[in-house]
């Protein structure tokens, strides 16, 4: 097992009379003389920030609307039910589109659930919020979004299995017999 690599650090090169950043054997010149100790530490801090910062292409999204648009554009060819994703994004838009991703909280999720529950079933609201949750987490896997968000899904509905009682079964059989006699 090899030695663990040392982190980037300041190192003084006596032959040039200046500090450099030593990062895994690479020597990065900063142009800071020995007489400028604050400049050295600022240069190291700047180096570490740029080394661990995402690229310009991975800037965070400003609004949930931008996140949903990006999610739909990426899922256009791979999603099985793309029209359902579009419908969910369309209904989520008026409520969440202008918010920043970190403004999506439990309270806002519950408010959306209460607002939509009067018009549609709780399963529909659950599907819409799961699309929002997936959209917010999708850019994160690509390193494009930062921040805390919290989507709360409504409880799952019970199973749809319905069993007929004997009386209902007899009525259905009787009804089927009447229909078959008419035909």
N, C-alpha and C. Protein backbone atom coordinates (compact mmCIF):
# COMPACT_ATOMS: atom_id res chain seq x y z
N UNK A 1 0.83 -1.17 0.00
CA UNK A 1 0.00 0.00 0.00
C UNK A 1 0.88 1.24 0.00
N UNK A 2 0.61 2.18 -0.93
CA UNK A 2 1.43 3.36 -1.06
C UNK A 2 1.14 4.41 -0.01
N UNK A 3 1.98 5.41 -0.02
CA UNK A 3 1.78 6.51 0.91
C UNK A 3 0.64 7.40 0.43
N UNK A 4 -0.02 8.01 1.38
CA UNK A 4 -1.09 8.93 1.06
C UNK A 4 -0.48 10.23 0.55
N UNK A 5 -1.06 10.80 -0.50
CA UNK A 5 -0.53 12.03 -1.09
C UNK A 5 -0.76 13.22 -0.16
N UNK A 6 0.20 14.10 -0.14
CA UNK A 6 0.07 15.31 0.68
C UNK A 6 -0.83 16.29 -0.06
N UNK A 7 -1.55 17.11 0.68
CA UNK A 7 -2.41 18.11 0.02
C UNK A 7 -1.56 19.23 -0.59
N UNK A 8 -2.15 20.04 -1.46
CA UNK A 8 -1.40 21.18 -2.02
C UNK A 8 -0.93 22.09 -0.88
N UNK A 9 0.30 22.60 -1.03
CA UNK A 9 0.87 23.40 0.05
C UNK A 9 1.86 24.41 -0.53
N UNK A 10 2.15 25.42 0.29
CA UNK A 10 3.16 26.40 -0.09
C UNK A 10 4.55 25.80 0.17
N UNK A 11 5.46 26.10 -0.74
CA UNK A 11 6.82 25.61 -0.60
C UNK A 11 7.75 26.70 -1.09
N UNK A 12 8.80 26.94 -0.36
CA UNK A 12 9.72 28.02 -0.72
C UNK A 12 10.86 27.47 -1.57
N UNK A 13 11.04 28.05 -2.76
CA UNK A 13 12.16 27.68 -3.64
C UNK A 13 13.26 28.71 -3.43
N UNK A 14 14.34 28.24 -2.85
CA UNK A 14 15.43 29.16 -2.52
C UNK A 14 16.15 29.65 -3.77
N UNK A 15 16.24 28.82 -4.81
CA UNK A 15 16.96 29.25 -6.00
C UNK A 15 16.26 30.41 -6.71
N UNK A 16 14.96 30.52 -6.56
CA UNK A 16 14.21 31.62 -7.18
C UNK A 16 13.77 32.66 -6.17
N UNK A 17 13.97 32.36 -4.89
CA UNK A 17 13.59 33.25 -3.80
C UNK A 17 12.10 33.62 -3.87
N UNK A 18 11.27 32.58 -4.06
CA UNK A 18 9.82 32.80 -4.08
C UNK A 18 9.09 31.54 -3.62
N UNK A 19 7.86 31.75 -3.20
CA UNK A 19 7.01 30.62 -2.82
C UNK A 19 6.30 30.07 -4.05
N UNK A 20 6.14 28.76 -4.06
CA UNK A 20 5.38 28.11 -5.11
C UNK A 20 4.35 27.20 -4.43
N UNK A 21 3.39 26.73 -5.21
CA UNK A 21 2.43 25.74 -4.71
C UNK A 21 2.91 24.39 -5.19
N UNK A 22 3.08 23.49 -4.26
CA UNK A 22 3.50 22.13 -4.57
C UNK A 22 2.26 21.23 -4.46
N UNK A 23 1.84 20.67 -5.58
CA UNK A 23 0.63 19.84 -5.61
C UNK A 23 0.94 18.53 -6.31
N UNK A 24 1.16 17.47 -5.52
CA UNK A 24 1.46 16.13 -6.04
C UNK A 24 2.62 16.15 -7.03
N UNK A 25 3.67 16.83 -6.67
CA UNK A 25 4.86 16.87 -7.50
C UNK A 25 4.88 18.00 -8.52
N UNK A 26 3.73 18.60 -8.78
CA UNK A 26 3.68 19.74 -9.71
C UNK A 26 4.04 21.01 -8.96
N UNK A 27 4.83 21.86 -9.58
CA UNK A 27 5.22 23.12 -8.98
C UNK A 27 4.54 24.24 -9.75
N UNK A 28 3.66 24.96 -9.05
CA UNK A 28 2.89 26.04 -9.68
C UNK A 28 3.43 27.36 -9.15
N UNK A 29 3.97 28.17 -10.08
CA UNK A 29 4.53 29.46 -9.70
C UNK A 29 3.41 30.46 -9.49
N UNK A 30 3.55 31.26 -8.43
CA UNK A 30 2.55 32.27 -8.13
C UNK A 30 3.08 33.68 -8.37
N UNK A 31 4.39 33.82 -8.44
CA UNK A 31 4.97 35.14 -8.61
C UNK A 31 4.97 35.96 -7.33
N UNK A 32 4.90 35.29 -6.19
CA UNK A 32 4.90 35.99 -4.91
C UNK A 32 6.29 35.88 -4.27
N UNK A 33 6.95 37.02 -4.03
CA UNK A 33 8.27 36.97 -3.39
C UNK A 33 8.13 36.63 -1.90
N UNK A 34 9.26 36.33 -1.31
CA UNK A 34 9.29 35.97 0.11
C UNK A 34 8.79 37.11 1.00
N UNK A 35 8.92 38.31 0.55
CA UNK A 35 8.53 39.48 1.34
C UNK A 35 7.01 39.69 1.40
N UNK A 36 6.22 38.89 0.66
CA UNK A 36 4.76 39.05 0.64
C UNK A 36 4.08 37.80 1.19
N UNK A 37 4.06 37.63 2.53
CA UNK A 37 3.47 36.42 3.10
C UNK A 37 1.96 36.32 2.92
N UNK A 38 1.26 37.45 2.94
CA UNK A 38 -0.20 37.40 2.75
C UNK A 38 -0.55 37.03 1.32
N UNK A 39 0.21 37.51 0.36
CA UNK A 39 -0.04 37.18 -1.04
C UNK A 39 0.10 35.69 -1.30
N UNK A 40 1.02 35.04 -0.59
CA UNK A 40 1.22 33.61 -0.74
C UNK A 40 -0.02 32.83 -0.31
N UNK A 41 -0.51 33.18 0.88
CA UNK A 41 -1.67 32.45 1.39
C UNK A 41 -2.92 32.74 0.56
N UNK A 42 -3.07 33.96 0.07
CA UNK A 42 -4.21 34.28 -0.79
C UNK A 42 -4.11 33.50 -2.11
N UNK A 43 -2.92 33.40 -2.66
CA UNK A 43 -2.73 32.65 -3.90
C UNK A 43 -3.03 31.17 -3.71
N UNK A 44 -2.61 30.62 -2.57
CA UNK A 44 -2.91 29.21 -2.29
C UNK A 44 -4.41 29.00 -2.13
N UNK A 45 -5.06 29.92 -1.42
CA UNK A 45 -6.51 29.82 -1.24
C UNK A 45 -7.23 29.90 -2.59
N UNK A 46 -6.80 30.82 -3.45
CA UNK A 46 -7.40 30.95 -4.78
C UNK A 46 -7.18 29.68 -5.60
N UNK A 47 -5.99 29.10 -5.50
CA UNK A 47 -5.68 27.87 -6.22
C UNK A 47 -6.59 26.73 -5.76
N UNK A 48 -6.75 26.58 -4.45
CA UNK A 48 -7.60 25.52 -3.92
C UNK A 48 -9.06 25.72 -4.33
N UNK A 49 -9.52 26.97 -4.34
CA UNK A 49 -10.89 27.26 -4.73
C UNK A 49 -11.13 26.90 -6.19
N UNK A 50 -10.21 27.29 -7.07
CA UNK A 50 -10.39 26.99 -8.49
C UNK A 50 -10.19 25.51 -8.79
N UNK A 51 -9.35 24.84 -8.00
CA UNK A 51 -9.12 23.42 -8.24
C UNK A 51 -10.35 22.59 -7.94
N UNK A 52 -11.08 22.95 -6.88
CA UNK A 52 -12.23 22.16 -6.45
C UNK A 52 -13.56 22.75 -6.90
N UNK A 53 -13.54 23.86 -7.61
CA UNK A 53 -14.78 24.48 -8.09
C UNK A 53 -15.23 23.79 -9.37
N UNK A 54 -16.55 23.75 -9.61
CA UNK A 54 -17.03 23.17 -10.86
C UNK A 54 -16.67 24.05 -12.05
N UNK A 55 -16.71 23.48 -13.23
CA UNK A 55 -16.44 24.22 -14.45
C UNK A 55 -17.51 25.28 -14.69
N UNK A 56 -17.25 26.19 -15.66
CA UNK A 56 -18.25 27.20 -15.99
C UNK A 56 -19.53 26.57 -16.51
N UNK A 57 -19.43 25.41 -17.16
CA UNK A 57 -20.61 24.74 -17.69
C UNK A 57 -21.47 24.14 -16.58
N UNK A 58 -20.93 24.10 -15.38
CA UNK A 58 -21.69 23.50 -14.29
C UNK A 58 -22.09 24.54 -13.25
N UNK A 59 -22.48 25.71 -13.70
CA UNK A 59 -22.96 26.72 -12.76
C UNK A 59 -24.33 26.30 -12.24
N UNK A 60 -24.65 26.65 -11.01
CA UNK A 60 -25.95 26.26 -10.45
C UNK A 60 -27.09 26.98 -11.17
N UNK A 61 -28.24 26.32 -11.19
CA UNK A 61 -29.43 26.91 -11.78
C UNK A 61 -30.01 27.93 -10.80
N UNK A 62 -30.60 28.97 -11.34
CA UNK A 62 -31.16 30.01 -10.49
C UNK A 62 -32.57 29.68 -10.01
N UNK A 63 -33.37 29.03 -10.85
CA UNK A 63 -34.77 28.76 -10.49
C UNK A 63 -35.12 27.30 -10.72
N UNK A 64 -36.20 26.88 -10.09
CA UNK A 64 -36.71 25.52 -10.27
C UNK A 64 -37.20 25.35 -11.71
N UNK A 65 -37.71 26.42 -12.31
CA UNK A 65 -38.15 26.36 -13.71
C UNK A 65 -37.01 25.97 -14.63
N UNK A 66 -35.82 26.52 -14.40
CA UNK A 66 -34.65 26.16 -15.21
C UNK A 66 -34.26 24.71 -14.99
N UNK A 67 -34.37 24.25 -13.74
CA UNK A 67 -34.04 22.86 -13.42
C UNK A 67 -35.02 21.92 -14.14
N UNK A 68 -36.31 22.25 -14.09
CA UNK A 68 -37.32 21.41 -14.76
C UNK A 68 -37.10 21.40 -16.27
N UNK A 69 -36.77 22.55 -16.85
CA UNK A 69 -36.52 22.61 -18.30
C UNK A 69 -35.31 21.76 -18.67
N UNK A 70 -34.25 21.84 -17.87
CA UNK A 70 -33.06 21.02 -18.13
C UNK A 70 -33.39 19.54 -18.00
N UNK A 71 -34.14 19.19 -16.97
CA UNK A 71 -34.52 17.79 -16.73
C UNK A 71 -35.33 17.25 -17.91
N UNK A 72 -36.30 18.03 -18.38
CA UNK A 72 -37.12 17.57 -19.51
C UNK A 72 -36.28 17.45 -20.79
N UNK A 73 -35.36 18.38 -21.00
CA UNK A 73 -34.54 18.30 -22.21
C UNK A 73 -33.64 17.06 -22.18
N UNK A 74 -33.15 16.69 -21.00
CA UNK A 74 -32.29 15.51 -20.90
C UNK A 74 -33.09 14.21 -20.96
N UNK A 75 -34.33 14.22 -20.51
CA UNK A 75 -35.14 13.01 -20.46
C UNK A 75 -35.99 12.79 -21.71
N UNK A 76 -35.94 13.73 -22.65
CA UNK A 76 -36.79 13.66 -23.84
C UNK A 76 -36.67 12.33 -24.58
N UNK A 77 -35.48 11.84 -24.76
CA UNK A 77 -35.27 10.62 -25.55
C UNK A 77 -35.28 9.34 -24.71
N UNK A 78 -35.06 9.46 -23.40
CA UNK A 78 -34.91 8.26 -22.59
C UNK A 78 -36.13 7.93 -21.73
N UNK A 79 -36.98 8.91 -21.46
CA UNK A 79 -38.13 8.66 -20.58
C UNK A 79 -39.17 7.81 -21.30
N UNK A 80 -39.74 6.87 -20.57
CA UNK A 80 -40.77 6.00 -21.14
C UNK A 80 -42.07 6.77 -21.32
N UNK A 81 -42.47 7.54 -20.32
CA UNK A 81 -43.71 8.31 -20.38
C UNK A 81 -43.36 9.80 -20.33
N UNK A 82 -42.76 10.30 -21.40
CA UNK A 82 -42.31 11.68 -21.42
C UNK A 82 -43.49 12.65 -21.31
N UNK A 83 -44.64 12.28 -21.88
CA UNK A 83 -45.81 13.16 -21.80
C UNK A 83 -46.27 13.35 -20.36
N UNK A 84 -46.12 12.33 -19.53
CA UNK A 84 -46.47 12.46 -18.11
C UNK A 84 -45.51 13.40 -17.39
N UNK A 85 -44.22 13.31 -17.75
CA UNK A 85 -43.25 14.24 -17.16
C UNK A 85 -43.59 15.68 -17.53
N UNK A 86 -43.96 15.88 -18.79
CA UNK A 86 -44.32 17.23 -19.25
C UNK A 86 -45.55 17.75 -18.52
N UNK A 87 -46.55 16.88 -18.35
CA UNK A 87 -47.77 17.27 -17.64
C UNK A 87 -47.44 17.66 -16.20
N UNK A 88 -46.62 16.85 -15.54
CA UNK A 88 -46.23 17.14 -14.15
C UNK A 88 -45.47 18.46 -14.08
N UNK A 89 -44.54 18.68 -15.00
CA UNK A 89 -43.77 19.93 -15.00
C UNK A 89 -44.68 21.13 -15.26
N UNK A 90 -45.67 20.93 -16.11
CA UNK A 90 -46.61 22.02 -16.42
C UNK A 90 -47.43 22.40 -15.19
N UNK A 91 -47.85 21.41 -14.40
CA UNK A 91 -48.63 21.72 -13.21
C UNK A 91 -47.75 22.21 -12.06
N UNK A 92 -46.49 21.79 -12.02
CA UNK A 92 -45.57 22.27 -10.99
C UNK A 92 -45.12 23.70 -11.25
N UNK A 93 -45.07 24.07 -12.52
CA UNK A 93 -44.52 25.36 -12.91
C UNK A 93 -45.09 26.57 -12.20
N UNK A 94 -46.42 26.77 -12.20
CA UNK A 94 -46.96 27.97 -11.57
C UNK A 94 -46.63 28.10 -10.08
N UNK A 95 -46.45 27.00 -9.42
CA UNK A 95 -46.21 27.03 -7.97
C UNK A 95 -44.72 27.14 -7.63
N UNK A 96 -43.85 26.44 -8.38
CA UNK A 96 -42.44 26.34 -8.01
C UNK A 96 -41.47 27.03 -8.97
N UNK A 97 -41.88 27.39 -10.18
CA UNK A 97 -40.94 27.80 -11.23
C UNK A 97 -40.06 28.98 -10.85
N UNK A 98 -40.59 29.96 -10.13
CA UNK A 98 -39.81 31.16 -9.82
C UNK A 98 -38.97 31.04 -8.56
N UNK A 99 -39.09 29.92 -7.87
CA UNK A 99 -38.32 29.72 -6.64
C UNK A 99 -36.91 29.23 -6.95
N UNK A 100 -35.99 29.55 -6.07
CA UNK A 100 -34.65 28.98 -6.15
C UNK A 100 -34.73 27.54 -5.64
N UNK A 101 -33.88 26.64 -6.12
CA UNK A 101 -33.95 25.24 -5.67
C UNK A 101 -33.88 25.08 -4.15
N UNK A 102 -33.10 25.92 -3.49
CA UNK A 102 -33.00 25.78 -2.03
C UNK A 102 -34.24 26.30 -1.30
N UNK A 103 -35.16 26.98 -2.02
CA UNK A 103 -36.40 27.44 -1.42
C UNK A 103 -37.50 26.39 -1.44
N UNK A 104 -37.23 25.24 -2.03
CA UNK A 104 -38.19 24.14 -2.02
C UNK A 104 -38.06 23.45 -0.67
N UNK A 105 -39.05 23.68 0.18
CA UNK A 105 -39.01 23.17 1.55
C UNK A 105 -40.18 22.23 1.80
N UNK A 106 -40.16 21.63 2.97
CA UNK A 106 -41.26 20.75 3.37
C UNK A 106 -42.57 21.53 3.40
N UNK A 107 -42.52 22.74 3.95
CA UNK A 107 -43.74 23.55 4.06
C UNK A 107 -44.31 23.87 2.67
N UNK A 108 -43.45 24.20 1.72
CA UNK A 108 -43.94 24.50 0.37
C UNK A 108 -44.48 23.24 -0.31
N UNK A 109 -43.85 22.10 -0.07
CA UNK A 109 -44.35 20.85 -0.63
C UNK A 109 -45.74 20.53 -0.08
N UNK A 110 -45.90 20.73 1.22
CA UNK A 110 -47.21 20.47 1.83
C UNK A 110 -48.26 21.46 1.32
N UNK A 111 -47.88 22.72 1.13
CA UNK A 111 -48.81 23.71 0.60
C UNK A 111 -49.25 23.33 -0.81
N UNK A 112 -48.31 22.87 -1.62
CA UNK A 112 -48.65 22.42 -2.97
C UNK A 112 -49.59 21.22 -2.90
N UNK A 113 -49.32 20.30 -1.99
CA UNK A 113 -50.18 19.13 -1.83
C UNK A 113 -51.60 19.55 -1.48
N UNK A 114 -51.74 20.47 -0.55
CA UNK A 114 -53.07 20.94 -0.15
C UNK A 114 -53.78 21.66 -1.29
N UNK A 115 -53.04 22.45 -2.04
CA UNK A 115 -53.63 23.18 -3.16
C UNK A 115 -54.13 22.23 -4.25
N UNK A 116 -53.35 21.21 -4.57
CA UNK A 116 -53.70 20.30 -5.66
C UNK A 116 -54.68 19.20 -5.24
N UNK A 117 -54.71 18.88 -3.95
CA UNK A 117 -55.51 17.75 -3.47
C UNK A 117 -57.01 17.97 -3.72
N UNK A 118 -57.44 19.22 -3.81
CA UNK A 118 -58.86 19.51 -4.05
C UNK A 118 -59.26 19.23 -5.49
N UNK A 119 -58.27 19.18 -6.39
CA UNK A 119 -58.55 18.99 -7.81
C UNK A 119 -58.25 17.58 -8.30
N UNK A 120 -57.22 16.95 -7.74
CA UNK A 120 -56.79 15.63 -8.22
C UNK A 120 -56.54 14.71 -7.03
N UNK A 121 -56.30 13.44 -7.31
CA UNK A 121 -56.06 12.48 -6.23
C UNK A 121 -54.67 12.70 -5.62
N UNK A 122 -54.50 12.14 -4.45
CA UNK A 122 -53.20 12.29 -3.77
C UNK A 122 -52.10 11.56 -4.54
N UNK A 123 -52.45 10.51 -5.28
CA UNK A 123 -51.44 9.80 -6.08
C UNK A 123 -50.92 10.68 -7.21
N UNK A 124 -51.80 11.49 -7.80
CA UNK A 124 -51.36 12.41 -8.86
C UNK A 124 -50.40 13.44 -8.28
N UNK A 125 -50.76 13.98 -7.12
CA UNK A 125 -49.88 14.96 -6.47
C UNK A 125 -48.55 14.30 -6.12
N UNK A 126 -48.60 13.07 -5.65
CA UNK A 126 -47.38 12.33 -5.31
C UNK A 126 -46.49 12.18 -6.54
N UNK A 127 -47.08 11.84 -7.68
CA UNK A 127 -46.31 11.68 -8.92
C UNK A 127 -45.69 13.02 -9.34
N UNK A 128 -46.47 14.10 -9.24
CA UNK A 128 -45.94 15.41 -9.62
C UNK A 128 -44.77 15.81 -8.73
N UNK A 129 -44.91 15.61 -7.43
CA UNK A 129 -43.82 15.96 -6.52
C UNK A 129 -42.61 15.04 -6.68
N UNK A 130 -42.86 13.79 -7.08
CA UNK A 130 -41.70 12.91 -7.32
C UNK A 130 -40.95 13.35 -8.57
N UNK A 131 -41.67 13.91 -9.55
CA UNK A 131 -40.99 14.47 -10.73
C UNK A 131 -40.15 15.67 -10.32
N UNK A 132 -40.70 16.52 -9.45
CA UNK A 132 -39.93 17.67 -8.95
C UNK A 132 -38.68 17.20 -8.20
N UNK A 133 -38.84 16.21 -7.34
CA UNK A 133 -37.71 15.68 -6.58
C UNK A 133 -36.65 15.10 -7.52
N UNK A 134 -37.09 14.34 -8.52
CA UNK A 134 -36.14 13.77 -9.48
C UNK A 134 -35.43 14.85 -10.28
N UNK A 135 -36.19 15.88 -10.67
CA UNK A 135 -35.59 16.97 -11.44
C UNK A 135 -34.55 17.71 -10.61
N UNK A 136 -34.84 17.92 -9.33
CA UNK A 136 -33.88 18.63 -8.48
C UNK A 136 -32.64 17.78 -8.20
N UNK A 137 -32.79 16.47 -8.13
CA UNK A 137 -31.65 15.60 -7.87
C UNK A 137 -30.87 15.26 -9.14
N UNK A 138 -31.50 15.34 -10.29
CA UNK A 138 -30.86 14.96 -11.56
C UNK A 138 -29.64 15.81 -11.87
N UNK A 139 -29.73 17.15 -11.83
CA UNK A 139 -28.52 17.93 -12.11
C UNK A 139 -27.42 17.70 -11.10
N UNK A 140 -27.78 17.35 -9.87
CA UNK A 140 -26.78 17.12 -8.84
C UNK A 140 -25.85 15.97 -9.21
N UNK A 141 -26.40 14.95 -9.87
CA UNK A 141 -25.55 13.84 -10.28
C UNK A 141 -24.57 14.27 -11.36
N UNK A 142 -24.92 15.33 -12.10
CA UNK A 142 -24.01 15.87 -13.10
C UNK A 142 -23.17 17.02 -12.53
N UNK A 143 -23.37 17.34 -11.25
CA UNK A 143 -22.61 18.40 -10.60
C UNK A 143 -23.08 19.78 -10.97
N UNK A 144 -24.36 19.95 -11.31
CA UNK A 144 -24.83 21.24 -11.78
C UNK A 144 -25.69 22.00 -10.79
N UNK A 145 -26.00 21.44 -9.67
CA UNK A 145 -26.85 22.17 -8.72
C UNK A 145 -26.32 21.94 -7.31
N UNK A 146 -26.38 22.99 -6.54
CA UNK A 146 -25.96 22.88 -5.15
C UNK A 146 -27.07 23.49 -4.30
N UNK A 147 -27.10 23.10 -3.06
CA UNK A 147 -28.08 23.66 -2.15
C UNK A 147 -28.97 22.58 -1.58
N UNK A 148 -29.61 22.92 -0.50
CA UNK A 148 -30.49 21.96 0.16
C UNK A 148 -31.93 22.22 -0.28
N UNK A 149 -32.58 21.18 -0.66
CA UNK A 149 -34.01 21.26 -0.97
C UNK A 149 -34.65 20.06 -0.32
N UNK A 150 -35.94 20.16 -0.06
CA UNK A 150 -36.61 19.10 0.65
C UNK A 150 -38.03 18.96 0.12
N UNK A 151 -38.27 17.92 -0.65
CA UNK A 151 -39.59 17.66 -1.21
C UNK A 151 -40.24 16.58 -0.36
N UNK A 152 -41.46 16.85 0.09
CA UNK A 152 -42.20 15.89 0.90
C UNK A 152 -43.33 15.33 0.05
N UNK A 153 -43.35 14.02 -0.11
CA UNK A 153 -44.39 13.37 -0.89
C UNK A 153 -45.57 13.01 0.01
N UNK A 154 -46.81 13.11 -0.52
CA UNK A 154 -47.95 12.65 0.27
C UNK A 154 -47.87 11.14 0.48
N UNK A 155 -48.63 10.65 1.46
CA UNK A 155 -48.63 9.22 1.72
C UNK A 155 -49.17 8.46 0.53
N UNK A 156 -48.66 7.25 0.35
CA UNK A 156 -49.14 6.40 -0.74
C UNK A 156 -50.58 5.99 -0.47
N UNK A 157 -51.34 5.88 -1.54
CA UNK A 157 -52.71 5.40 -1.42
C UNK A 157 -52.68 3.90 -1.15
N UNK A 158 -53.76 3.40 -0.59
CA UNK A 158 -53.85 1.97 -0.31
C UNK A 158 -53.93 1.17 -1.60
N UNK A 159 -53.83 -0.14 -1.50
CA UNK A 159 -53.90 -0.97 -2.70
C UNK A 159 -55.27 -0.87 -3.37
N UNK A 160 -55.30 -1.11 -4.66
CA UNK A 160 -56.54 -1.01 -5.42
C UNK A 160 -57.30 -2.33 -5.50
N UNK A 161 -56.82 -3.34 -4.84
CA UNK A 161 -57.50 -4.63 -4.88
C UNK A 161 -58.87 -4.51 -4.24
N UNK A 162 -59.89 -4.80 -5.00
CA UNK A 162 -61.26 -4.76 -4.51
C UNK A 162 -61.87 -6.12 -4.77
N UNK A 163 -62.42 -6.70 -3.74
CA UNK A 163 -63.04 -8.00 -3.88
C UNK A 163 -64.55 -7.83 -3.83
N UNK A 164 -65.22 -8.52 -4.73
CA UNK A 164 -66.68 -8.47 -4.75
C UNK A 164 -67.26 -9.36 -3.66
N UNK A 165 -68.32 -8.87 -3.05
CA UNK A 165 -69.05 -9.72 -2.12
C UNK A 165 -69.87 -10.70 -2.94
N UNK A 166 -70.40 -11.72 -2.30
CA UNK A 166 -71.20 -12.71 -3.04
C UNK A 166 -72.42 -12.05 -3.65
N UNK A 167 -73.00 -11.11 -2.94
CA UNK A 167 -74.19 -10.42 -3.47
C UNK A 167 -73.84 -9.61 -4.72
N UNK A 168 -72.71 -8.90 -4.69
CA UNK A 168 -72.28 -8.13 -5.86
C UNK A 168 -71.95 -9.05 -7.02
N UNK A 169 -71.36 -10.21 -6.73
CA UNK A 169 -71.03 -11.17 -7.77
C UNK A 169 -72.30 -11.70 -8.43
N UNK A 170 -73.30 -12.07 -7.62
CA UNK A 170 -74.58 -12.54 -8.18
C UNK A 170 -75.21 -11.47 -9.05
N UNK A 171 -75.18 -10.22 -8.60
CA UNK A 171 -75.75 -9.13 -9.40
C UNK A 171 -75.02 -8.96 -10.71
N UNK A 172 -73.71 -9.08 -10.70
CA UNK A 172 -72.93 -8.96 -11.94
C UNK A 172 -73.23 -10.11 -12.89
N UNK A 173 -73.35 -11.32 -12.33
CA UNK A 173 -73.66 -12.48 -13.17
C UNK A 173 -75.06 -12.33 -13.76
N UNK A 174 -76.01 -11.89 -12.93
CA UNK A 174 -77.38 -11.66 -13.43
C UNK A 174 -77.37 -10.63 -14.54
N UNK A 175 -76.64 -9.56 -14.32
CA UNK A 175 -76.56 -8.48 -15.32
C UNK A 175 -75.94 -9.01 -16.62
N UNK A 176 -74.91 -9.83 -16.51
CA UNK A 176 -74.25 -10.40 -17.68
C UNK A 176 -75.22 -11.32 -18.43
N UNK A 177 -76.05 -12.07 -17.68
CA UNK A 177 -77.03 -12.96 -18.31
C UNK A 177 -78.07 -12.18 -19.08
N UNK A 178 -78.51 -11.06 -18.53
CA UNK A 178 -79.49 -10.21 -19.20
C UNK A 178 -78.89 -9.63 -20.47
N UNK A 179 -77.67 -9.20 -20.41
CA UNK A 179 -77.01 -8.60 -21.58
C UNK A 179 -76.81 -9.65 -22.65
N UNK A 180 -76.40 -10.87 -22.25
CA UNK A 180 -76.17 -11.92 -23.25
C UNK A 180 -77.49 -12.35 -23.90
N UNK A 181 -78.61 -12.29 -23.20
CA UNK A 181 -79.90 -12.63 -23.78
C UNK A 181 -80.36 -11.57 -24.77
N UNK A 182 -79.98 -10.31 -24.54
CA UNK A 182 -80.35 -9.24 -25.44
C UNK A 182 -79.58 -9.33 -26.75
N UNK A 183 -78.39 -9.82 -26.72
CA UNK A 183 -77.53 -9.81 -27.90
C UNK A 183 -77.85 -10.94 -28.83
